[in-house]
Amino acid sequence: MPLAKIELKKKEFTFCDGQSVYLNEPTLGQIQNAQKNAKGDEIEQAKILLIDMSLGELTKEFLNACPQSEFIRLMEVINSFMGIEIKN
């Protein structure tokens, strides 16, 4: 009998303007996809992961328009799930 998918942890992220989005813990497949498609660009990798983690609610256009301070806070959520060290 096949195993059931594991329930992913999720966190609610609230932007400075009050909008909010749920971010699911990234899966191994999402991490590999982000690494493959980002071609070494850490910011692009984070954007791809965030789009996947939000189940498409976040978009590249939205993330590209985000203030740097909000993007850093989003990266901290990725870090809390994965233990990635954030470089300034």
PDB file of N, CA and C in Angstrom:
ATOM      1  N   MET A   1       0.852  -1.173   0.000  1.00  0.00           N
ATOM      2  CA  MET A   1       0.000   0.000   0.000  1.00  0.00           C
ATOM      3  C   MET A   1       0.901   1.241   0.000  1.00  0.00           C
ATOM      4  N   PRO A   2       0.671   2.189  -0.923  1.00  0.00           N
ATOM      5  CA  PRO A   2       1.501   3.393  -0.973  1.00  0.00           C
ATOM      6  C   PRO A   2       1.254   4.288   0.239  1.00  0.00           C
ATOM      7  N   LEU A   3       2.288   4.988   0.604  1.00  0.00           N
ATOM      8  CA  LEU A   3       2.175   5.934   1.719  1.00  0.00           C
ATOM      9  C   LEU A   3       1.409   7.176   1.290  1.00  0.00           C
ATOM     10  N   ALA A   4       0.709   7.762   2.214  1.00  0.00           N
ATOM     11  CA  ALA A   4       0.010   9.024   1.960  1.00  0.00           C
ATOM     12  C   ALA A   4       1.022  10.161   2.011  1.00  0.00           C
ATOM     13  N   LYS A   5       0.743  11.236   1.279  1.00  0.00           N
ATOM     14  CA  LYS A   5       1.623  12.404   1.321  1.00  0.00           C
ATOM     15  C   LYS A   5       1.646  12.978   2.734  1.00  0.00           C
ATOM     16  N   ILE A   6       2.802  13.463   3.119  1.00  0.00           N
ATOM     17  CA  ILE A   6       2.970  14.076   4.441  1.00  0.00           C
ATOM     18  C   ILE A   6       2.369  15.481   4.412  1.00  0.00           C
ATOM     19  N   GLU A   7       1.610  15.799   5.437  1.00  0.00           N
ATOM     20  CA  GLU A   7       1.021  17.137   5.572  1.00  0.00           C
ATOM     21  C   GLU A   7       2.148  18.151   5.760  1.00  0.00           C
ATOM     22  N   LEU A   8       2.174  19.165   4.908  1.00  0.00           N
ATOM     23  CA  LEU A   8       3.223  20.182   4.978  1.00  0.00           C
ATOM     24  C   LEU A   8       2.907  21.211   6.056  1.00  0.00           C
ATOM     25  N   LYS A   9       3.953  21.657   6.750  1.00  0.00           N
ATOM     26  CA  LYS A   9       3.782  22.760   7.694  1.00  0.00           C
ATOM     27  C   LYS A   9       3.525  24.014   6.879  1.00  0.00           C
ATOM     28  N   LYS A  10       2.790  24.956   7.445  1.00  0.00           N
ATOM     29  CA  LYS A  10       2.569  26.225   6.758  1.00  0.00           C
ATOM     30  C   LYS A  10       2.621  27.361   7.753  1.00  0.00           C
ATOM     31  N   LYS A  11       3.008  28.507   7.233  1.00  0.00           N
ATOM     32  CA  LYS A  11       3.078  29.721   8.040  1.00  0.00           C
ATOM     33  C   LYS A  11       2.372  30.836   7.301  1.00  0.00           C
ATOM     34  N   GLU A  12       1.684  31.658   8.063  1.00  0.00           N
ATOM     35  CA  GLU A  12       1.038  32.835   7.469  1.00  0.00           C
ATOM     36  C   GLU A  12       2.039  33.979   7.500  1.00  0.00           C
ATOM     37  N   PHE A  13       2.192  34.650   6.357  1.00  0.00           N
ATOM     38  CA  PHE A  13       3.075  35.806   6.261  1.00  0.00           C
ATOM     39  C   PHE A  13       2.196  37.016   5.987  1.00  0.00           C
ATOM     40  N   THR A  14       2.389  38.060   6.793  1.00  0.00           N
ATOM     41  CA  THR A  14       1.632  39.300   6.618  1.00  0.00           C
ATOM     42  C   THR A  14       2.579  40.401   6.155  1.00  0.00           C
ATOM     43  N   PHE A  15       2.223  41.013   5.029  1.00  0.00           N
ATOM     44  CA  PHE A  15       3.017  42.104   4.477  1.00  0.00           C
ATOM     45  C   PHE A  15       2.738  43.391   5.241  1.00  0.00           C
ATOM     46  N   CYS A  16       3.601  44.382   5.043  1.00  0.00           N
ATOM     47  CA  CYS A  16       3.485  45.642   5.780  1.00  0.00           C
ATOM     48  C   CYS A  16       2.175  46.374   5.497  1.00  0.00           C
ATOM     49  N   ASP A  17       1.541  46.082   4.350  1.00  0.00           N
ATOM     50  CA  ASP A  17       0.273  46.737   4.021  1.00  0.00           C
ATOM     51  C   ASP A  17      -0.944  45.945   4.493  1.00  0.00           C
ATOM     52  N   GLY A  18      -0.712  44.843   5.224  1.00  0.00           N
ATOM     53  CA  GLY A  18      -1.808  44.058   5.775  1.00  0.00           C
ATOM     54  C   GLY A  18      -2.222  42.852   4.952  1.00  0.00           C
ATOM     55  N   GLN A  19      -1.766  42.760   3.698  1.00  0.00           N
ATOM     56  CA  GLN A  19      -2.068  41.569   2.898  1.00  0.00           C
ATOM     57  C   GLN A  19      -1.353  40.373   3.523  1.00  0.00           C
ATOM     58  N   SER A  20      -1.920  39.178   3.350  1.00  0.00           N
ATOM     59  CA  SER A  20      -1.253  38.001   3.902  1.00  0.00           C
ATOM     60  C   SER A  20      -1.337  36.837   2.917  1.00  0.00           C
ATOM     61  N   VAL A  21      -0.420  35.911   3.094  1.00  0.00           N
ATOM     62  CA  VAL A  21      -0.329  34.725   2.253  1.00  0.00           C
ATOM     63  C   VAL A  21       0.154  33.571   3.124  1.00  0.00           C
ATOM     64  N   TYR A  22      -0.341  32.370   2.838  1.00  0.00           N
ATOM     65  CA  TYR A  22       0.172  31.187   3.525  1.00  0.00           C
ATOM     66  C   TYR A  22       1.305  30.599   2.707  1.00  0.00           C
ATOM     67  N   LEU A  23       2.400  30.280   3.387  1.00  0.00           N
ATOM     68  CA  LEU A  23       3.551  29.652   2.758  1.00  0.00           C
ATOM     69  C   LEU A  23       3.712  28.254   3.320  1.00  0.00           C
ATOM     70  N   ASN A  24       3.689  27.265   2.428  1.00  0.00           N
ATOM     71  CA  ASN A  24       3.871  25.870   2.817  1.00  0.00           C
ATOM     72  C   ASN A  24       5.350  25.537   2.860  1.00  0.00           C
ATOM     73  N   GLU A  25       5.709  24.629   3.727  1.00  0.00           N
ATOM     74  CA  GLU A  25       7.085  24.141   3.784  1.00  0.00           C
ATOM     75  C   GLU A  25       7.465  23.616   2.403  1.00  0.00           C
ATOM     76  N   PRO A  26       8.630  23.993   1.873  1.00  0.00           N
ATOM     77  CA  PRO A  26       9.008  23.518   0.543  1.00  0.00           C
ATOM     78  C   PRO A  26       9.320  22.025   0.541  1.00  0.00           C
ATOM     79  N   THR A  27       8.974  21.388  -0.574  1.00  0.00           N
ATOM     80  CA  THR A  27       9.278  19.967  -0.736  1.00  0.00           C
ATOM     81  C   THR A  27      10.637  19.826  -1.420  1.00  0.00           C
ATOM     82  N   LEU A  28      11.181  18.638  -1.369  1.00  0.00           N
ATOM     83  CA  LEU A  28      12.461  18.373  -2.031  1.00  0.00           C
ATOM     84  C   LEU A  28      12.357  18.691  -3.520  1.00  0.00           C
ATOM     85  N   GLY A  29      11.251  18.305  -4.136  1.00  0.00           N
ATOM     86  CA  GLY A  29      11.056  18.587  -5.560  1.00  0.00           C
ATOM     87  C   GLY A  29      11.051  20.070  -5.864  1.00  0.00           C
ATOM     88  N   GLN A  30      10.412  20.866  -5.013  1.00  0.00           N
ATOM     89  CA  GLN A  30      10.387  22.318  -5.209  1.00  0.00           C
ATOM     90  C   GLN A  30      11.781  22.920  -5.067  1.00  0.00           C
ATOM     91  N   ILE A  31      12.534  22.426  -4.107  1.00  0.00           N
ATOM     92  CA  ILE A  31      13.901  22.928  -3.899  1.00  0.00           C
ATOM     93  C   ILE A  31      14.762  22.607  -5.119  1.00  0.00           C
ATOM     94  N   GLN A  32      14.681  21.365  -5.605  1.00  0.00           N
ATOM     95  CA  GLN A  32      15.462  20.967  -6.780  1.00  0.00           C
ATOM     96  C   GLN A  32      15.052  21.781  -7.999  1.00  0.00           C
ATOM     97  N   ASN A  33      13.754  22.001  -8.187  1.00  0.00           N
ATOM     98  CA  ASN A  33      13.267  22.785  -9.310  1.00  0.00           C
ATOM     99  C   ASN A  33      13.804  24.218  -9.242  1.00  0.00           C
ATOM    100  N   ALA A  34      13.765  24.810  -8.066  1.00  0.00           N
ATOM    101  CA  ALA A  34      14.254  26.184  -7.903  1.00  0.00           C
ATOM    102  C   ALA A  34      15.749  26.268  -8.184  1.00  0.00           C
ATOM    103  N   GLN A  35      16.513  25.307  -7.698  1.00  0.00           N
ATOM    104  CA  GLN A  35      17.955  25.309  -7.939  1.00  0.00           C
ATOM    105  C   GLN A  35      18.262  25.159  -9.422  1.00  0.00           C
ATOM    106  N   LYS A  36      17.541  24.260 -10.086  1.00  0.00           N
ATOM    107  CA  LYS A  36      17.778  24.003 -11.509  1.00  0.00           C
ATOM    108  C   LYS A  36      17.444  25.225 -12.355  1.00  0.00           C
ATOM    109  N   ASN A  37      16.305  25.855 -12.078  1.00  0.00           N
ATOM    110  CA  ASN A  37      15.840  26.965 -12.902  1.00  0.00           C
ATOM    111  C   ASN A  37      16.477  28.305 -12.572  1.00  0.00           C
ATOM    112  N   ALA A  38      17.067  28.436 -11.394  1.00  0.00           N
ATOM    113  CA  ALA A  38      17.671  29.714 -10.992  1.00  0.00           C
ATOM    114  C   ALA A  38      19.087  29.861 -11.526  1.00  0.00           C
ATOM    115  N   LYS A  39      19.721  28.774 -11.913  1.00  0.00           N
ATOM    116  CA  LYS A  39      21.074  28.791 -12.493  1.00  0.00           C
ATOM    117  C   LYS A  39      22.067  29.586 -11.643  1.00  0.00           C
ATOM    118  N   GLY A  40      22.042  29.333 -10.329  1.00  0.00           N
ATOM    119  CA  GLY A  40      23.017  29.948  -9.433  1.00  0.00           C
ATOM    120  C   GLY A  40      22.618  31.308  -8.876  1.00  0.00           C
ATOM    121  N   ASP A  41      21.520  31.872  -9.317  1.00  0.00           N
ATOM    122  CA  ASP A  41      21.051  33.173  -8.830  1.00  0.00           C
ATOM    123  C   ASP A  41      20.206  32.937  -7.580  1.00  0.00           C
ATOM    124  N   GLU A  42      20.726  33.319  -6.419  1.00  0.00           N
ATOM    125  CA  GLU A  42      20.055  33.040  -5.153  1.00  0.00           C
ATOM    126  C   GLU A  42      18.728  33.778  -5.012  1.00  0.00           C
ATOM    127  N   ILE A  43      18.649  34.990  -5.533  1.00  0.00           N
ATOM    128  CA  ILE A  43      17.394  35.741  -5.451  1.00  0.00           C
ATOM    129  C   ILE A  43      16.340  35.072  -6.325  1.00  0.00           C
ATOM    130  N   GLU A  44      16.721  34.659  -7.521  1.00  0.00           N
ATOM    131  CA  GLU A  44      15.785  33.963  -8.410  1.00  0.00           C
ATOM    132  C   GLU A  44      15.333  32.648  -7.783  1.00  0.00           C
ATOM    133  N   GLN A  45      16.256  31.950  -7.148  1.00  0.00           N
ATOM    134  CA  GLN A  45      15.920  30.696  -6.469  1.00  0.00           C
ATOM    135  C   GLN A  45      14.878  30.950  -5.383  1.00  0.00           C
ATOM    136  N   ALA A  46      15.058  32.000  -4.606  1.00  0.00           N
ATOM    137  CA  ALA A  46      14.102  32.333  -3.539  1.00  0.00           C
ATOM    138  C   ALA A  46      12.743  32.676  -4.130  1.00  0.00           C
ATOM    139  N   LYS A  47      12.722  33.436  -5.242  1.00  0.00           N
ATOM    140  CA  LYS A  47      11.444  33.793  -5.871  1.00  0.00           C
ATOM    141  C   LYS A  47      10.708  32.554  -6.364  1.00  0.00           C
ATOM    142  N   ILE A  48      11.424  31.648  -7.016  1.00  0.00           N
ATOM    143  CA  ILE A  48      10.799  30.417  -7.512  1.00  0.00           C
ATOM    144  C   ILE A  48      10.224  29.616  -6.348  1.00  0.00           C
ATOM    145  N   LEU A  49      11.008  29.496  -5.268  1.00  0.00           N
ATOM    146  CA  LEU A  49      10.533  28.765  -4.090  1.00  0.00           C
ATOM    147  C   LEU A  49       9.293  29.427  -3.483  1.00  0.00           C
ATOM    148  N   LEU A  50       9.318  30.747  -3.366  1.00  0.00           N
ATOM    149  CA  LEU A  50       8.186  31.456  -2.758  1.00  0.00           C
ATOM    150  C   LEU A  50       6.911  31.294  -3.581  1.00  0.00           C
ATOM    151  N   ILE A  51       7.035  31.312  -4.896  1.00  0.00           N
ATOM    152  CA  ILE A  51       5.874  31.096  -5.755  1.00  0.00           C
ATOM    153  C   ILE A  51       5.314  29.700  -5.514  1.00  0.00           C
ATOM    154  N   ASP A  52       6.198  28.699  -5.467  1.00  0.00           N
ATOM    155  CA  ASP A  52       5.764  27.325  -5.202  1.00  0.00           C
ATOM    156  C   ASP A  52       5.191  27.178  -3.793  1.00  0.00           C
ATOM    157  N   MET A  53       5.854  27.772  -2.813  1.00  0.00           N
ATOM    158  CA  MET A  53       5.418  27.646  -1.424  1.00  0.00           C
ATOM    159  C   MET A  53       4.053  28.290  -1.193  1.00  0.00           C
ATOM    160  N   SER A  54       3.725  29.314  -1.985  1.00  0.00           N
ATOM    161  CA  SER A  54       2.431  29.995  -1.841  1.00  0.00           C
ATOM    162  C   SER A  54       1.362  29.369  -2.732  1.00  0.00           C
ATOM    163  N   LEU A  55       1.716  28.264  -3.396  1.00  0.00           N
ATOM    164  CA  LEU A  55       0.804  27.581  -4.330  1.00  0.00           C
ATOM    165  C   LEU A  55       0.336  28.535  -5.429  1.00  0.00           C
ATOM    166  N   GLY A  56       1.264  29.410  -5.865  1.00  0.00           N
ATOM    167  CA  GLY A  56       0.997  30.322  -6.970  1.00  0.00           C
ATOM    168  C   GLY A  56       0.351  31.635  -6.585  1.00  0.00           C
ATOM    169  N   GLU A  57       0.048  31.817  -5.305  1.00  0.00           N
ATOM    170  CA  GLU A  57      -0.578  33.076  -4.886  1.00  0.00           C
ATOM    171  C   GLU A  57       0.395  34.246  -5.059  1.00  0.00           C
ATOM    172  N   LEU A  58       1.663  34.021  -4.742  1.00  0.00           N
ATOM    173  CA  LEU A  58       2.693  35.013  -5.039  1.00  0.00           C
ATOM    174  C   LEU A  58       3.093  34.836  -6.495  1.00  0.00           C
ATOM    175  N   THR A  59       3.377  35.940  -7.173  1.00  0.00           N
ATOM    176  CA  THR A  59       3.809  35.893  -8.567  1.00  0.00           C
ATOM    177  C   THR A  59       5.160  36.582  -8.703  1.00  0.00           C
ATOM    178  N   LYS A  60       5.841  36.326  -9.827  1.00  0.00           N
ATOM    179  CA  LYS A  60       7.118  37.008 -10.059  1.00  0.00           C
ATOM    180  C   LYS A  60       6.923  38.517 -10.096  1.00  0.00           C
ATOM    181  N   GLU A  61       5.835  38.955 -10.716  1.00  0.00           N
ATOM    182  CA  GLU A  61       5.565  40.395 -10.814  1.00  0.00           C
ATOM    183  C   GLU A  61       5.401  41.003  -9.426  1.00  0.00           C
ATOM    184  N   PHE A  62       4.649  40.331  -8.561  1.00  0.00           N
ATOM    185  CA  PHE A  62       4.454  40.819  -7.196  1.00  0.00           C
ATOM    186  C   PHE A  62       5.785  40.849  -6.456  1.00  0.00           C
ATOM    187  N   LEU A  63       6.555  39.760  -6.539  1.00  0.00           N
ATOM    188  CA  LEU A  63       7.828  39.693  -5.816  1.00  0.00           C
ATOM    189  C   LEU A  63       8.823  40.722  -6.335  1.00  0.00           C
ATOM    190  N   ASN A  64       8.855  40.954  -7.652  1.00  0.00           N
ATOM    191  CA  ASN A  64       9.759  41.953  -8.219  1.00  0.00           C
ATOM    192  C   ASN A  64       9.403  43.364  -7.767  1.00  0.00           C
ATOM    193  N   ALA A  65       8.131  43.587  -7.429  1.00  0.00           N
ATOM    194  CA  ALA A  65       7.683  44.905  -6.975  1.00  0.00           C
ATOM    195  C   ALA A  65       7.765  45.065  -5.458  1.00  0.00           C
ATOM    196  N   CYS A  66       8.141  44.000  -4.757  1.00  0.00           N
ATOM    197  CA  CYS A  66       8.225  44.030  -3.292  1.00  0.00           C
ATOM    198  C   CYS A  66       9.382  44.913  -2.829  1.00  0.00           C
ATOM    199  N   PRO A  67       9.180  45.683  -1.775  1.00  0.00           N
ATOM    200  CA  PRO A  67      10.311  46.395  -1.190  1.00  0.00           C
ATOM    201  C   PRO A  67      11.346  45.381  -0.665  1.00  0.00           C
ATOM    202  N   GLN A  68      12.585  45.782  -0.668  1.00  0.00           N
ATOM    203  CA  GLN A  68      13.661  44.891  -0.225  1.00  0.00           C
ATOM    204  C   GLN A  68      13.411  44.385   1.193  1.00  0.00           C
ATOM    205  N   SER A  69      12.911  45.238   2.066  1.00  0.00           N
ATOM    206  CA  SER A  69      12.681  44.830   3.454  1.00  0.00           C
ATOM    207  C   SER A  69      11.657  43.696   3.545  1.00  0.00           C
ATOM    208  N   GLU A  70      10.629  43.732   2.698  1.00  0.00           N
ATOM    209  CA  GLU A  70       9.631  42.666   2.693  1.00  0.00           C
ATOM    210  C   GLU A  70      10.220  41.379   2.124  1.00  0.00           C
ATOM    211  N   PHE A  71      11.056  41.508   1.088  1.00  0.00           N
ATOM    212  CA  PHE A  71      11.674  40.320   0.491  1.00  0.00           C
ATOM    213  C   PHE A  71      12.613  39.650   1.497  1.00  0.00           C
ATOM    214  N   ILE A  72      13.331  40.437   2.267  1.00  0.00           N
ATOM    215  CA  ILE A  72      14.210  39.885   3.309  1.00  0.00           C
ATOM    216  C   ILE A  72      13.379  39.125   4.341  1.00  0.00           C
ATOM    217  N   ARG A  73      12.234  39.681   4.716  1.00  0.00           N
ATOM    218  CA  ARG A  73      11.357  38.981   5.663  1.00  0.00           C
ATOM    219  C   ARG A  73      10.844  37.667   5.072  1.00  0.00           C
ATOM    220  N   LEU A  74      10.513  37.667   3.780  1.00  0.00           N
ATOM    221  CA  LEU A  74      10.090  36.425   3.111  1.00  0.00           C
ATOM    222  C   LEU A  74      11.219  35.401   3.102  1.00  0.00           C
ATOM    223  N   MET A  75      12.441  35.857   2.876  1.00  0.00           N
ATOM    224  CA  MET A  75      13.597  34.950   2.881  1.00  0.00           C
ATOM    225  C   MET A  75      13.790  34.350   4.270  1.00  0.00           C
ATOM    226  N   GLU A  76      13.451  35.109   5.307  1.00  0.00           N
ATOM    227  CA  GLU A  76      13.553  34.584   6.669  1.00  0.00           C
ATOM    228  C   GLU A  76      12.568  33.428   6.895  1.00  0.00           C
ATOM    229  N   VAL A  77      11.417  33.480   6.219  1.00  0.00           N
ATOM    230  CA  VAL A  77      10.461  32.373   6.311  1.00  0.00           C
ATOM    231  C   VAL A  77      11.058  31.127   5.657  1.00  0.00           C
ATOM    232  N   ILE A  78      11.669  31.305   4.481  1.00  0.00           N
ATOM    233  CA  ILE A  78      12.341  30.170   3.832  1.00  0.00           C
ATOM    234  C   ILE A  78      13.387  29.610   4.776  1.00  0.00           C
ATOM    235  N   ASN A  79      14.166  30.493   5.373  1.00  0.00           N
ATOM    236  CA  ASN A  79      15.216  30.075   6.304  1.00  0.00           C
ATOM    237  C   ASN A  79      14.638  29.298   7.478  1.00  0.00           C
ATOM    238  N   SER A  80      13.503  29.734   7.994  1.00  0.00           N
ATOM    239  CA  SER A  80      12.918  29.049   9.147  1.00  0.00           C
ATOM    240  C   SER A  80      12.495  27.624   8.797  1.00  0.00           C
ATOM    241  N   PHE A  81      12.103  27.392   7.553  1.00  0.00           N
ATOM    242  CA  PHE A  81      11.738  26.048   7.112  1.00  0.00           C
ATOM    243  C   PHE A  81      12.965  25.187   6.798  1.00  0.00           C
ATOM    244  N   MET A  82      13.991  25.819   6.216  1.00  0.00           N
ATOM    245  CA  MET A  82      15.082  25.037   5.635  1.00  0.00           C
ATOM    246  C   MET A  82      16.431  25.204   6.305  1.00  0.00           C
ATOM    247  N   GLY A  83      16.620  26.256   7.055  1.00  0.00           N
ATOM    248  CA  GLY A  83      17.930  26.492   7.653  1.00  0.00           C
ATOM    249  C   GLY A  83      18.932  27.089   6.673  1.00  0.00           C
ATOM    250  N   ILE A  84      18.438  27.764   5.612  1.00  0.00           N
ATOM    251  CA  ILE A  84      19.335  28.420   4.645  1.00  0.00           C
ATOM    252  C   ILE A  84      19.883  29.681   5.286  1.00  0.00           C
ATOM    253  N   GLU A  85      21.180  29.896   5.133  1.00  0.00           N
ATOM    254  CA  GLU A  85      21.787  31.101   5.660  1.00  0.00           C
ATOM    255  C   GLU A  85      21.530  32.245   4.680  1.00  0.00           C
ATOM    256  N   ILE A  86      20.982  33.341   5.192  1.00  0.00           N
ATOM    257  CA  ILE A  86      20.675  34.502   4.362  1.00  0.00           C
ATOM    258  C   ILE A  86      21.910  35.387   4.303  1.00  0.00           C
ATOM    259  N   LYS A  87      22.353  35.684   3.071  1.00  0.00           N
ATOM    260  CA  LYS A  87      23.512  36.561   2.873  1.00  0.00           C
ATOM    261  C   LYS A  87      23.014  37.955   2.538  1.00  0.00           C
ATOM    262  N   ASN A  88      23.654  38.976   3.085  1.00  0.00           N
ATOM    263  CA  ASN A  88      23.258  40.365   2.787  1.00  0.00           C
ATOM    264  C   ASN A  88      23.944  40.853   1.548  1.00  0.00           C
TER     265      ASN A  88
END
